[in-house]
Structures are given as structure tokens and as C-alpha cells.
């Protein structure tokens, strides 16, 4: 299934993409925290 598919915009470099992705994962909202 495509349930776990992540669509990302085109970034200028792999480093920029990884930085943005890590930021999003680190600062995500935890749905279980209330």
C-alpha cells in the first residue's frame, strides 16, 4: 500500500533534504501525548 509513502518536494541538495526531514521528525506532534 502507499500508506507509508512520503512525498517530498525537490530540494537543492541531499543535505538540505535530510536536514528538513530530520527537523520534521524531531519536532513532530506526538498524537499520544494529548
N, C-alpha and C. Protein backbone atom coordinates (compact mmCIF):
# COMPACT_ATOMS: atom_id res chain seq x y z
N UNK A 1 0.84 -1.19 0.00
CA UNK A 1 0.00 0.00 0.00
C UNK A 1 0.88 1.24 0.00
N UNK A 2 0.27 2.37 -0.24
CA UNK A 2 1.03 3.63 -0.22
C UNK A 2 0.86 4.34 1.11
N UNK A 3 0.44 3.60 2.13
CA UNK A 3 0.21 4.19 3.45
C UNK A 3 1.48 4.82 4.02
N UNK A 4 2.61 4.23 3.73
CA UNK A 4 3.87 4.71 4.30
C UNK A 4 4.69 5.50 3.29
N UNK A 5 4.07 5.97 2.22
CA UNK A 5 4.77 6.74 1.21
C UNK A 5 4.92 8.19 1.69
N UNK A 6 6.10 8.73 1.49
CA UNK A 6 6.35 10.12 1.85
C UNK A 6 6.68 10.87 0.56
N UNK A 7 5.89 11.89 0.26
CA UNK A 7 6.15 12.72 -0.91
C UNK A 7 6.90 13.96 -0.45
N UNK A 8 8.08 14.17 -0.99
CA UNK A 8 8.91 15.30 -0.61
C UNK A 8 9.08 16.24 -1.80
N UNK A 9 9.17 17.54 -1.52
CA UNK A 9 9.46 18.47 -2.61
C UNK A 9 10.91 18.30 -3.08
N UNK A 10 11.22 18.85 -4.22
CA UNK A 10 12.57 18.76 -4.75
C UNK A 10 13.45 19.79 -4.04
N UNK A 11 14.48 19.33 -3.36
CA UNK A 11 15.39 20.22 -2.65
C UNK A 11 16.65 20.44 -3.48
N UNK A 12 17.41 21.46 -3.10
CA UNK A 12 18.61 21.80 -3.86
C UNK A 12 19.71 20.76 -3.69
N UNK A 13 19.70 20.05 -2.56
CA UNK A 13 20.71 19.02 -2.35
C UNK A 13 20.19 17.98 -1.37
N UNK A 14 20.87 16.86 -1.33
CA UNK A 14 20.52 15.78 -0.41
C UNK A 14 20.68 16.25 1.03
N UNK A 15 21.71 17.04 1.30
CA UNK A 15 21.94 17.54 2.66
C UNK A 15 20.79 18.41 3.16
N UNK A 16 20.27 19.27 2.29
CA UNK A 16 19.15 20.13 2.66
C UNK A 16 17.92 19.27 2.95
N UNK A 17 17.66 18.28 2.10
CA UNK A 17 16.52 17.40 2.28
C UNK A 17 16.62 16.64 3.60
N UNK A 18 17.78 16.11 3.91
CA UNK A 18 17.96 15.36 5.15
C UNK A 18 17.80 16.26 6.37
N UNK A 19 18.30 17.48 6.29
CA UNK A 19 18.16 18.43 7.39
C UNK A 19 16.68 18.73 7.65
N UNK A 20 15.92 19.00 6.60
CA UNK A 20 14.50 19.31 6.74
C UNK A 20 13.72 18.10 7.25
N UNK A 21 14.06 16.92 6.76
CA UNK A 21 13.37 15.70 7.18
C UNK A 21 13.65 15.40 8.65
N UNK A 22 14.90 15.53 9.05
CA UNK A 22 15.26 15.30 10.46
C UNK A 22 14.56 16.32 11.37
N UNK A 23 14.47 17.56 10.94
CA UNK A 23 13.78 18.59 11.72
C UNK A 23 12.31 18.22 11.90
N UNK A 24 11.68 17.82 10.81
CA UNK A 24 10.25 17.46 10.86
C UNK A 24 10.02 16.27 11.78
N UNK A 25 10.89 15.28 11.74
CA UNK A 25 10.74 14.10 12.59
C UNK A 25 10.98 14.47 14.05
N UNK A 26 11.98 15.29 14.30
CA UNK A 26 12.34 15.65 15.68
C UNK A 26 11.26 16.50 16.34
N UNK A 27 10.66 17.42 15.60
CA UNK A 27 9.70 18.36 16.17
C UNK A 27 8.24 18.02 15.85
N UNK A 28 7.98 16.77 15.51
CA UNK A 28 6.61 16.37 15.18
C UNK A 28 5.73 16.38 16.42
N UNK A 29 4.44 16.46 16.20
CA UNK A 29 3.47 16.37 17.28
C UNK A 29 3.26 14.89 17.59
N UNK A 30 3.26 14.54 18.85
CA UNK A 30 3.00 13.17 19.26
C UNK A 30 1.51 13.03 19.54
N UNK A 31 0.78 12.27 18.72
CA UNK A 31 -0.67 12.17 18.91
C UNK A 31 -1.06 11.49 20.23
N UNK A 32 -0.15 10.78 20.85
CA UNK A 32 -0.46 10.09 22.10
C UNK A 32 -0.18 10.94 23.33
N UNK A 33 0.44 12.09 23.14
CA UNK A 33 0.81 12.92 24.30
C UNK A 33 -0.34 13.80 24.78
N UNK A 34 -1.41 13.86 24.02
CA UNK A 34 -2.59 14.62 24.44
C UNK A 34 -2.52 15.99 23.98
